[in-house]
Amino acid sequence: EVIRLSGMNLVINDMDMPLIIKVASIPRERIQVY
């Protein structure tokens, strides 16, 4: 988890839904994925 990017709530049809952001890397390509 990327703490600095997580923690926001998104409103979906009048409901607050917490947003969590995680990250990983594809090693052989040095590509980061959110």
PDB file of all heavy atoms in Angstrom:
ATOM      1  N   GLU A   1       0.825  -1.200   0.000  1.00  0.00           N
ATOM      2  CA  GLU A   1       0.000   0.000   0.000  1.00  0.00           C
ATOM      3  C   GLU A   1       0.861   1.252   0.000  1.00  0.00           C
ATOM      4  O   GLU A   1       1.911   1.317   0.638  1.00  0.00           O
ATOM      5  CB  GLU A   1      -0.929   0.012   1.218  1.00  0.00           C
ATOM      6  CG  GLU A   1      -1.907   1.181   1.207  1.00  0.00           C
ATOM      7  CD  GLU A   1      -2.905   1.143   2.351  1.00  0.00           C
ATOM      8  OE1 GLU A   1      -2.964   0.127   3.066  1.00  0.00           O
ATOM      9  OE2 GLU A   1      -3.626   2.152   2.518  1.00  0.00           O
ATOM     10  N   VAL A   2       0.401   2.263  -0.754  1.00  0.00           N
ATOM     11  CA  VAL A   2       1.047   3.570  -0.775  1.00  0.00           C
ATOM     12  C   VAL A   2       0.210   4.485   0.125  1.00  0.00           C
ATOM     13  O   VAL A   2      -0.831   5.006  -0.290  1.00  0.00           O
ATOM     14  CB  VAL A   2       1.133   4.145  -2.203  1.00  0.00           C
ATOM     15  CG1 VAL A   2       1.932   5.449  -2.201  1.00  0.00           C
ATOM     16  CG2 VAL A   2       1.767   3.135  -3.156  1.00  0.00           C
ATOM     17  N   ILE A   3       0.660   4.656   1.361  1.00  0.00           N
ATOM     18  CA  ILE A   3      -0.125   5.365   2.374  1.00  0.00           C
ATOM     19  C   ILE A   3      -0.429   6.794   1.947  1.00  0.00           C
ATOM     20  O   ILE A   3      -1.549   7.292   2.118  1.00  0.00           O
ATOM     21  CB  ILE A   3       0.603   5.368   3.736  1.00  0.00           C
ATOM     22  CG1 ILE A   3       0.874   3.920   4.191  1.00  0.00           C
ATOM     23  CG2 ILE A   3      -0.217   6.107   4.787  1.00  0.00           C
ATOM     24  CD1 ILE A   3      -0.358   3.078   4.408  1.00  0.00           C
ATOM     25  N   ARG A   4       0.554   7.463   1.331  1.00  0.00           N
ATOM     26  CA  ARG A   4       0.350   8.877   0.981  1.00  0.00           C
ATOM     27  C   ARG A   4      -0.701   9.062  -0.107  1.00  0.00           C
ATOM     28  O   ARG A   4      -1.250  10.163  -0.268  1.00  0.00           O
ATOM     29  CB  ARG A   4       1.676   9.510   0.535  1.00  0.00           C
ATOM     30  CG  ARG A   4       2.212   8.990  -0.784  1.00  0.00           C
ATOM     31  CD  ARG A   4       3.574   9.578  -1.133  1.00  0.00           C
ATOM     32  NE  ARG A   4       4.092   9.035  -2.371  1.00  0.00           N
ATOM     33  CZ  ARG A   4       3.856   9.541  -3.570  1.00  0.00           C
ATOM     34  NH1 ARG A   4       3.102  10.626  -3.681  1.00  0.00           N
ATOM     35  NH2 ARG A   4       4.369   8.992  -4.663  1.00  0.00           N
ATOM     36  N   LEU A   5      -1.012   8.012  -0.861  1.00  0.00           N
ATOM     37  CA  LEU A   5      -2.016   8.104  -1.910  1.00  0.00           C
ATOM     38  C   LEU A   5      -3.368   7.535  -1.475  1.00  0.00           C
ATOM     39  O   LEU A   5      -4.392   7.796  -2.102  1.00  0.00           O
ATOM     40  CB  LEU A   5      -1.548   7.364  -3.170  1.00  0.00           C
ATOM     41  CG  LEU A   5      -0.290   7.906  -3.859  1.00  0.00           C
ATOM     42  CD1 LEU A   5       0.097   7.012  -5.030  1.00  0.00           C
ATOM     43  CD2 LEU A   5      -0.494   9.352  -4.331  1.00  0.00           C
ATOM     44  N   SER A   6      -3.373   6.744  -0.406  1.00  0.00           N
ATOM     45  CA  SER A   6      -4.600   6.118   0.080  1.00  0.00           C
ATOM     46  C   SER A   6      -5.319   7.057   1.045  1.00  0.00           C
ATOM     47  O   SER A   6      -4.840   8.139   1.380  1.00  0.00           O
ATOM     48  CB  SER A   6      -4.274   4.795   0.763  1.00  0.00           C
ATOM     49  OG  SER A   6      -3.705   3.875  -0.142  1.00  0.00           O
ATOM     50  N   GLY A   7      -6.495   6.608   1.493  1.00  0.00           N
ATOM     51  CA  GLY A   7      -7.197   7.325   2.551  1.00  0.00           C
ATOM     52  C   GLY A   7      -8.315   8.229   2.080  1.00  0.00           C
ATOM     53  O   GLY A   7      -9.071   8.764   2.888  1.00  0.00           O
ATOM     54  N   MET A   8      -8.448   8.418   0.785  1.00  0.00           N
ATOM     55  CA  MET A   8      -9.522   9.256   0.256  1.00  0.00           C
ATOM     56  C   MET A   8     -10.814   8.440   0.160  1.00  0.00           C
ATOM     57  O   MET A   8     -10.775   7.228  -0.036  1.00  0.00           O
ATOM     58  CB  MET A   8      -9.111   9.746  -1.135  1.00  0.00           C
ATOM     59  CG  MET A   8     -10.066  10.734  -1.771  1.00  0.00           C
ATOM     60  SD  MET A   8      -9.622  11.054  -3.499  1.00  0.00           S
ATOM     61  CE  MET A   8      -7.862  11.319  -3.370  1.00  0.00           C
ATOM     62  N   ASN A   9     -11.955   9.094   0.298  1.00  0.00           N
ATOM     63  CA  ASN A   9     -13.239   8.460   0.056  1.00  0.00           C
ATOM     64  C   ASN A   9     -13.797   8.940  -1.273  1.00  0.00           C
ATOM     65  O   ASN A   9     -13.768  10.135  -1.563  1.00  0.00           O
ATOM     66  CB  ASN A   9     -14.242   8.793   1.162  1.00  0.00           C
ATOM     67  CG  ASN A   9     -14.060   7.914   2.387  1.00  0.00           C
ATOM     68  OD1 ASN A   9     -13.199   7.037   2.401  1.00  0.00           O
ATOM     69  ND2 ASN A   9     -14.849   8.157   3.410  1.00  0.00           N
ATOM     70  N   LEU A  10     -14.297   8.017  -2.089  1.00  0.00           N
ATOM     71  CA  LEU A  10     -14.966   8.366  -3.339  1.00  0.00           C
ATOM     72  C   LEU A  10     -16.456   8.144  -3.166  1.00  0.00           C
ATOM     73  O   LEU A  10     -16.875   7.129  -2.596  1.00  0.00           O
ATOM     74  CB  LEU A  10     -14.439   7.491  -4.488  1.00  0.00           C
ATOM     75  CG  LEU A  10     -12.929   7.524  -4.755  1.00  0.00           C
ATOM     76  CD1 LEU A  10     -12.589   6.598  -5.923  1.00  0.00           C
ATOM     77  CD2 LEU A  10     -12.454   8.939  -5.042  1.00  0.00           C
ATOM     78  N   VAL A  11     -17.256   9.077  -3.650  1.00  0.00           N
ATOM     79  CA  VAL A  11     -18.705   8.939  -3.534  1.00  0.00           C
ATOM     80  C   VAL A  11     -19.232   8.182  -4.754  1.00  0.00           C
ATOM     81  O   VAL A  11     -19.071   8.626  -5.891  1.00  0.00           O
ATOM     82  CB  VAL A  11     -19.382  10.318  -3.420  1.00  0.00           C
ATOM     83  CG1 VAL A  11     -20.905  10.155  -3.348  1.00  0.00           C
ATOM     84  CG2 VAL A  11     -18.875  11.066  -2.198  1.00  0.00           C
ATOM     85  N   ILE A  12     -19.853   7.024  -4.487  1.00  0.00           N
ATOM     86  CA  ILE A  12     -20.464   6.222  -5.537  1.00  0.00           C
ATOM     87  C   ILE A  12     -21.939   6.090  -5.198  1.00  0.00           C
ATOM     88  O   ILE A  12     -22.302   5.428  -4.218  1.00  0.00           O
ATOM     89  CB  ILE A  12     -19.814   4.817  -5.648  1.00  0.00           C
ATOM     90  CG1 ILE A  12     -18.285   4.920  -5.772  1.00  0.00           C
ATOM     91  CG2 ILE A  12     -20.423   4.039  -6.820  1.00  0.00           C
ATOM     92  CD1 ILE A  12     -17.790   5.601  -7.025  1.00  0.00           C
ATOM     93  N   ASN A  13     -22.790   6.749  -5.980  1.00  0.00           N
ATOM     94  CA  ASN A  13     -24.226   6.673  -5.750  1.00  0.00           C
ATOM     95  C   ASN A  13     -24.596   7.038  -4.312  1.00  0.00           C
ATOM     96  O   ASN A  13     -25.351   6.336  -3.644  1.00  0.00           O
ATOM     97  CB  ASN A  13     -24.744   5.261  -6.103  1.00  0.00           C
ATOM     98  CG  ASN A  13     -26.243   5.250  -6.368  1.00  0.00           C
ATOM     99  OD1 ASN A  13     -26.765   6.179  -6.948  1.00  0.00           O
ATOM    100  ND2 ASN A  13     -26.912   4.205  -5.928  1.00  0.00           N
ATOM    101  N   ASP A  14     -24.033   8.127  -3.814  1.00  0.00           N
ATOM    102  CA  ASP A  14     -24.313   8.665  -2.474  1.00  0.00           C
ATOM    103  C   ASP A  14     -23.708   7.828  -1.344  1.00  0.00           C
ATOM    104  O   ASP A  14     -24.086   7.986  -0.179  1.00  0.00           O
ATOM    105  CB  ASP A  14     -25.821   8.832  -2.252  1.00  0.00           C
ATOM    106  CG  ASP A  14     -26.124   9.907  -1.221  1.00  0.00           C
ATOM    107  OD1 ASP A  14     -25.266  10.792  -1.019  1.00  0.00           O
ATOM    108  OD2 ASP A  14     -27.204   9.870  -0.615  1.00  0.00           O
ATOM    109  N   MET A  15     -22.783   6.934  -1.670  1.00  0.00           N
ATOM    110  CA  MET A  15     -22.089   6.153  -0.638  1.00  0.00           C
ATOM    111  C   MET A  15     -20.607   6.509  -0.643  1.00  0.00           C
ATOM    112  O   MET A  15     -19.994   6.613  -1.704  1.00  0.00           O
ATOM    113  CB  MET A  15     -22.251   4.648  -0.887  1.00  0.00           C
ATOM    114  CG  MET A  15     -23.671   4.135  -0.780  1.00  0.00           C
ATOM    115  SD  MET A  15     -23.741   2.335  -0.967  1.00  0.00           S
ATOM    116  CE  MET A  15     -23.100   2.126  -2.636  1.00  0.00           C
ATOM    117  N   ASP A  16     -20.036   6.679   0.551  1.00  0.00           N
ATOM    118  CA  ASP A  16     -18.596   6.924   0.679  1.00  0.00           C
ATOM    119  C   ASP A  16     -17.853   5.604   0.633  1.00  0.00           C
ATOM    120  O   ASP A  16     -18.063   4.737   1.483  1.00  0.00           O
ATOM    121  CB  ASP A  16     -18.287   7.636   2.004  1.00  0.00           C
ATOM    122  CG  ASP A  16     -18.567   9.127   1.937  1.00  0.00           C
ATOM    123  OD1 ASP A  16     -18.798   9.632   0.831  1.00  0.00           O
ATOM    124  OD2 ASP A  16     -18.558   9.772   2.996  1.00  0.00           O
ATOM    125  N   MET A  17     -16.969   5.452  -0.356  1.00  0.00           N
ATOM    126  CA  MET A  17     -16.209   4.210  -0.523  1.00  0.00           C
ATOM    127  C   MET A  17     -14.722   4.524  -0.423  1.00  0.00           C
ATOM    128  O   MET A  17     -14.183   5.299  -1.226  1.00  0.00           O
ATOM    129  CB  MET A  17     -16.524   3.578  -1.882  1.00  0.00           C
ATOM    130  CG  MET A  17     -18.017   3.342  -2.127  1.00  0.00           C
ATOM    131  SD  MET A  17     -18.804   2.280  -0.901  1.00  0.00           S
ATOM    132  CE  MET A  17     -18.082   0.689  -1.330  1.00  0.00           C
ATOM    133  N   PRO A  18     -14.023   3.946   0.574  1.00  0.00           N
ATOM    134  CA  PRO A  18     -12.594   4.243   0.768  1.00  0.00           C
ATOM    135  C   PRO A  18     -11.740   3.768  -0.405  1.00  0.00           C
ATOM    136  O   PRO A  18     -11.929   2.666  -0.929  1.00  0.00           O
ATOM    137  CB  PRO A  18     -12.243   3.461   2.046  1.00  0.00           C
ATOM    138  CG  PRO A  18     -13.551   3.186   2.713  1.00  0.00           C
ATOM    139  CD  PRO A  18     -14.557   3.047   1.612  1.00  0.00           C
ATOM    140  N   LEU A  19     -10.807   4.623  -0.801  1.00  0.00           N
ATOM    141  CA  LEU A  19      -9.870   4.306  -1.884  1.00  0.00           C
ATOM    142  C   LEU A  19      -8.528   3.891  -1.297  1.00  0.00           C
ATOM    143  O   LEU A  19      -7.935   4.618  -0.502  1.00  0.00           O
ATOM    144  CB  LEU A  19      -9.688   5.531  -2.787  1.00  0.00           C
ATOM    145  CG  LEU A  19      -8.610   5.450  -3.877  1.00  0.00           C
ATOM    146  CD1 LEU A  19      -8.930   4.361  -4.885  1.00  0.00           C
ATOM    147  CD2 LEU A  19      -8.451   6.801  -4.575  1.00  0.00           C
ATOM    148  N   ILE A  20      -8.072   2.721  -1.693  1.00  0.00           N
ATOM    149  CA  ILE A  20      -6.761   2.215  -1.278  1.00  0.00           C
ATOM    150  C   ILE A  20      -5.902   2.074  -2.533  1.00  0.00           C
ATOM    151  O   ILE A  20      -6.350   1.530  -3.548  1.00  0.00           O
ATOM    152  CB  ILE A  20      -6.884   0.849  -0.577  1.00  0.00           C
ATOM    153  CG1 ILE A  20      -7.784   0.965   0.658  1.00  0.00           C
ATOM    154  CG2 ILE A  20      -5.514   0.303  -0.188  1.00  0.00           C
ATOM    155  CD1 ILE A  20      -8.227  -0.370   1.217  1.00  0.00           C
ATOM    156  N   ILE A  21      -4.683   2.584  -2.464  1.00  0.00           N
ATOM    157  CA  ILE A  21      -3.759   2.491  -3.597  1.00  0.00           C
ATOM    158  C   ILE A  21      -2.608   1.568  -3.230  1.00  0.00           C
ATOM    159  O   ILE A  21      -1.957   1.742  -2.195  1.00  0.00           O
ATOM    160  CB  ILE A  21      -3.192   3.874  -3.983  1.00  0.00           C
ATOM    161  CG1 ILE A  21      -4.323   4.855  -4.288  1.00  0.00           C
ATOM    162  CG2 ILE A  21      -2.242   3.748  -5.182  1.00  0.00           C
ATOM    163  CD1 ILE A  21      -5.196   4.466  -5.439  1.00  0.00           C
ATOM    164  N   LYS A  22      -2.368   0.577  -4.071  1.00  0.00           N
ATOM    165  CA  LYS A  22      -1.233  -0.323  -3.895  1.00  0.00           C
ATOM    166  C   LYS A  22      -0.336  -0.227  -5.124  1.00  0.00           C
ATOM    167  O   LYS A  22      -0.768   0.249  -6.178  1.00  0.00           O
ATOM    168  CB  LYS A  22      -1.726  -1.751  -3.647  1.00  0.00           C
ATOM    169  CG  LYS A  22      -2.505  -1.870  -2.342  1.00  0.00           C
ATOM    170  CD  LYS A  22      -3.061  -3.241  -2.093  1.00  0.00           C
ATOM    171  CE  LYS A  22      -3.798  -3.260  -0.750  1.00  0.00           C
ATOM    172  NZ  LYS A  22      -4.472  -4.544  -0.492  1.00  0.00           N
ATOM    173  N   VAL A  23       0.874  -0.676  -4.983  1.00  0.00           N
ATOM    174  CA  VAL A  23       1.818  -0.571  -6.087  1.00  0.00           C
ATOM    175  C   VAL A  23       2.693  -1.820  -6.127  1.00  0.00           C
ATOM    176  O   VAL A  23       2.916  -2.478  -5.105  1.00  0.00           O
ATOM    177  CB  VAL A  23       2.681   0.711  -5.948  1.00  0.00           C
ATOM    178  CG1 VAL A  23       3.649   0.601  -4.791  1.00  0.00           C
ATOM    179  CG2 VAL A  23       3.389   1.057  -7.247  1.00  0.00           C
ATOM    180  N   ALA A  24       3.134  -2.171  -7.317  1.00  0.00           N
ATOM    181  CA  ALA A  24       4.067  -3.287  -7.506  1.00  0.00           C
ATOM    182  C   ALA A  24       4.893  -2.982  -8.746  1.00  0.00           C
ATOM    183  O   ALA A  24       4.582  -2.068  -9.514  1.00  0.00           O
ATOM    184  CB  ALA A  24       3.322  -4.607  -7.674  1.00  0.00           C
ATOM    185  N   SER A  25       5.953  -3.746  -8.939  1.00  0.00           N
ATOM    186  CA  SER A  25       6.816  -3.562 -10.108  1.00  0.00           C
ATOM    187  C   SER A  25       6.905  -4.843 -10.908  1.00  0.00           C
ATOM    188  O   SER A  25       6.907  -5.943 -10.344  1.00  0.00           O
ATOM    189  CB  SER A  25       8.224  -3.129  -9.678  1.00  0.00           C
ATOM    190  OG  SER A  25       8.192  -1.855  -9.078  1.00  0.00           O
ATOM    191  N   ILE A  26       6.947  -4.690 -12.236  1.00  0.00           N
ATOM    192  CA  ILE A  26       7.233  -5.828 -13.112  1.00  0.00           C
ATOM    193  C   ILE A  26       8.751  -5.861 -13.253  1.00  0.00           C
ATOM    194  O   ILE A  26       9.328  -5.035 -13.976  1.00  0.00           O
ATOM    195  CB  ILE A  26       6.551  -5.656 -14.476  1.00  0.00           C
ATOM    196  CG1 ILE A  26       5.043  -5.474 -14.299  1.00  0.00           C
ATOM    197  CG2 ILE A  26       6.839  -6.856 -15.372  1.00  0.00           C
ATOM    198  CD1 ILE A  26       4.289  -5.177 -15.589  1.00  0.00           C
ATOM    199  N   PRO A  27       9.431  -6.762 -12.557  1.00  0.00           N
ATOM    200  CA  PRO A  27      10.889  -6.686 -12.394  1.00  0.00           C
ATOM    201  C   PRO A  27      11.684  -6.606 -13.688  1.00  0.00           C
ATOM    202  O   PRO A  27      12.525  -5.731 -13.854  1.00  0.00           O
ATOM    203  CB  PRO A  27      11.218  -7.964 -11.613  1.00  0.00           C
ATOM    204  CG  PRO A  27       9.952  -8.338 -10.929  1.00  0.00           C
ATOM    205  CD  PRO A  27       8.856  -7.919 -11.854  1.00  0.00           C
ATOM    206  N   ARG A  28      11.391  -7.510 -14.644  1.00  0.00           N
ATOM    207  CA  ARG A  28      12.265  -7.576 -15.828  1.00  0.00           C
ATOM    208  C   ARG A  28      12.143  -6.334 -16.705  1.00  0.00           C
ATOM    209  O   ARG A  28      13.020  -6.056 -17.514  1.00  0.00           O
ATOM    210  CB  ARG A  28      11.988  -8.847 -16.629  1.00  0.00           C
ATOM    211  CG  ARG A  28      10.608  -8.927 -17.249  1.00  0.00           C
ATOM    212  CD  ARG A  28      10.456 -10.222 -18.051  1.00  0.00           C
ATOM    213  NE  ARG A  28       9.147 -10.355 -18.657  1.00  0.00           N
ATOM    214  CZ  ARG A  28       8.096 -10.874 -18.051  1.00  0.00           C
ATOM    215  NH1 ARG A  28       8.193 -11.289 -16.803  1.00  0.00           N
ATOM    216  NH2 ARG A  28       6.931 -10.990 -18.680  1.00  0.00           N
ATOM    217  N   GLU A  29      11.054  -5.570 -16.545  1.00  0.00           N
ATOM    218  CA  GLU A  29      10.867  -4.372 -17.362  1.00  0.00           C
ATOM    219  C   GLU A  29      11.054  -3.080 -16.567  1.00  0.00           C
ATOM    220  O   GLU A  29      11.011  -1.992 -17.120  1.00  0.00           O
ATOM    221  CB  GLU A  29       9.464  -4.379 -17.991  1.00  0.00           C
ATOM    222  CG  GLU A  29       9.209  -5.522 -18.955  1.00  0.00           C
ATOM    223  CD  GLU A  29      10.057  -5.437 -20.211  1.00  0.00           C
ATOM    224  OE1 GLU A  29      10.593  -4.354 -20.489  1.00  0.00           O
ATOM    225  OE2 GLU A  29      10.182  -6.467 -20.904  1.00  0.00           O
ATOM    226  N   ARG A  30      11.209  -3.200 -15.243  1.00  0.00           N
ATOM    227  CA  ARG A  30      11.304  -2.027 -14.370  1.00  0.00           C
ATOM    228  C   ARG A  30      10.108  -1.100 -14.586  1.00  0.00           C
ATOM    229  O   ARG A  30      10.244   0.118 -14.692  1.00  0.00           O
ATOM    230  CB  ARG A  30      12.611  -1.279 -14.597  1.00  0.00           C
ATOM    231  CG  ARG A  30      13.847  -2.104 -14.226  1.00  0.00           C
ATOM    232  CD  ARG A  30      15.111  -1.311 -14.430  1.00  0.00           C
ATOM    233  NE  ARG A  30      16.289  -2.100 -14.093  1.00  0.00           N
ATOM    234  CZ  ARG A  30      17.534  -1.663 -14.220  1.00  0.00           C
ATOM    235  NH1 ARG A  30      17.766  -0.448 -14.688  1.00  0.00           N
ATOM    236  NH2 ARG A  30      18.560  -2.431 -13.898  1.00  0.00           N
ATOM    237  N   ILE A  31       8.943  -1.698 -14.662  1.00  0.00           N
ATOM    238  CA  ILE A  31       7.691  -0.960 -14.852  1.00  0.00           C
ATOM    239  C   ILE A  31       6.882  -1.040 -13.565  1.00  0.00           C
ATOM    240  O   ILE A  31       6.683  -2.125 -13.010  1.00  0.00           O
ATOM    241  CB  ILE A  31       6.883  -1.546 -16.029  1.00  0.00           C
ATOM    242  CG1 ILE A  31       7.573  -1.228 -17.362  1.00  0.00           C
ATOM    243  CG2 ILE A  31       5.457  -1.007 -16.031  1.00  0.00           C
ATOM    244  CD1 ILE A  31       6.903  -1.852 -18.571  1.00  0.00           C
ATOM    245  N   GLN A  32       6.409   0.118 -13.087  1.00  0.00           N
ATOM    246  CA  GLN A  32       5.615   0.176 -11.874  1.00  0.00           C
ATOM    247  C   GLN A  32       4.129   0.185 -12.234  1.00  0.00           C
ATOM    248  O   GLN A  32       3.719   0.820 -13.201  1.00  0.00           O
ATOM    249  CB  GLN A  32       5.975   1.425 -11.074  1.00  0.00           C
ATOM    250  CG  GLN A  32       5.545   1.385  -9.628  1.00  0.00           C
ATOM    251  CD  GLN A  32       6.146   2.538  -8.834  1.00  0.00           C
ATOM    252  OE1 GLN A  32       5.980   3.694  -9.194  1.00  0.00           O
ATOM    253  NE2 GLN A  32       6.852   2.213  -7.769  1.00  0.00           N
ATOM    254  N   VAL A  33       3.344  -0.546 -11.440  1.00  0.00           N
ATOM    255  CA  VAL A  33       1.902  -0.642 -11.669  1.00  0.00           C
ATOM    256  C   VAL A  33       1.174  -0.188 -10.407  1.00  0.00           C
ATOM    257  O   VAL A  33       1.490  -0.617  -9.302  1.00  0.00           O
ATOM    258  CB  VAL A  33       1.486  -2.086 -12.022  1.00  0.00           C
ATOM    259  CG1 VAL A  33      -0.027  -2.162 -12.264  1.00  0.00           C
ATOM    260  CG2 VAL A  33       2.241  -2.582 -13.255  1.00  0.00           C
ATOM    261  N   TYR A  34       0.192   0.699 -10.592  1.00  0.00           N
ATOM    262  CA  TYR A  34      -0.656   1.154  -9.488  1.00  0.00           C
ATOM    263  C   TYR A  34      -1.970   0.365  -9.511  1.00  0.00           C
ATOM    264  O   TYR A  34      -2.563   0.167 -10.574  1.00  0.00           O
ATOM    265  CB  TYR A  34      -0.974   2.645  -9.623  1.00  0.00           C
ATOM    266  CG  TYR A  34       0.208   3.556  -9.438  1.00  0.00           C
ATOM    267  CD1 TYR A  34       1.050   3.867 -10.511  1.00  0.00           C
ATOM    268  CD2 TYR A  34       0.501   4.109  -8.189  1.00  0.00           C
ATOM    269  CE1 TYR A  34       2.136   4.706 -10.350  1.00  0.00           C
ATOM    270  CE2 TYR A  34       1.589   4.955  -8.022  1.00  0.00           C
ATOM    271  CZ  TYR A  34       2.399   5.253  -9.101  1.00  0.00           C
ATOM    272  OH  TYR A  34       3.477   6.083  -8.927  1.00  0.00           O
TER     273      TYR A  34
END
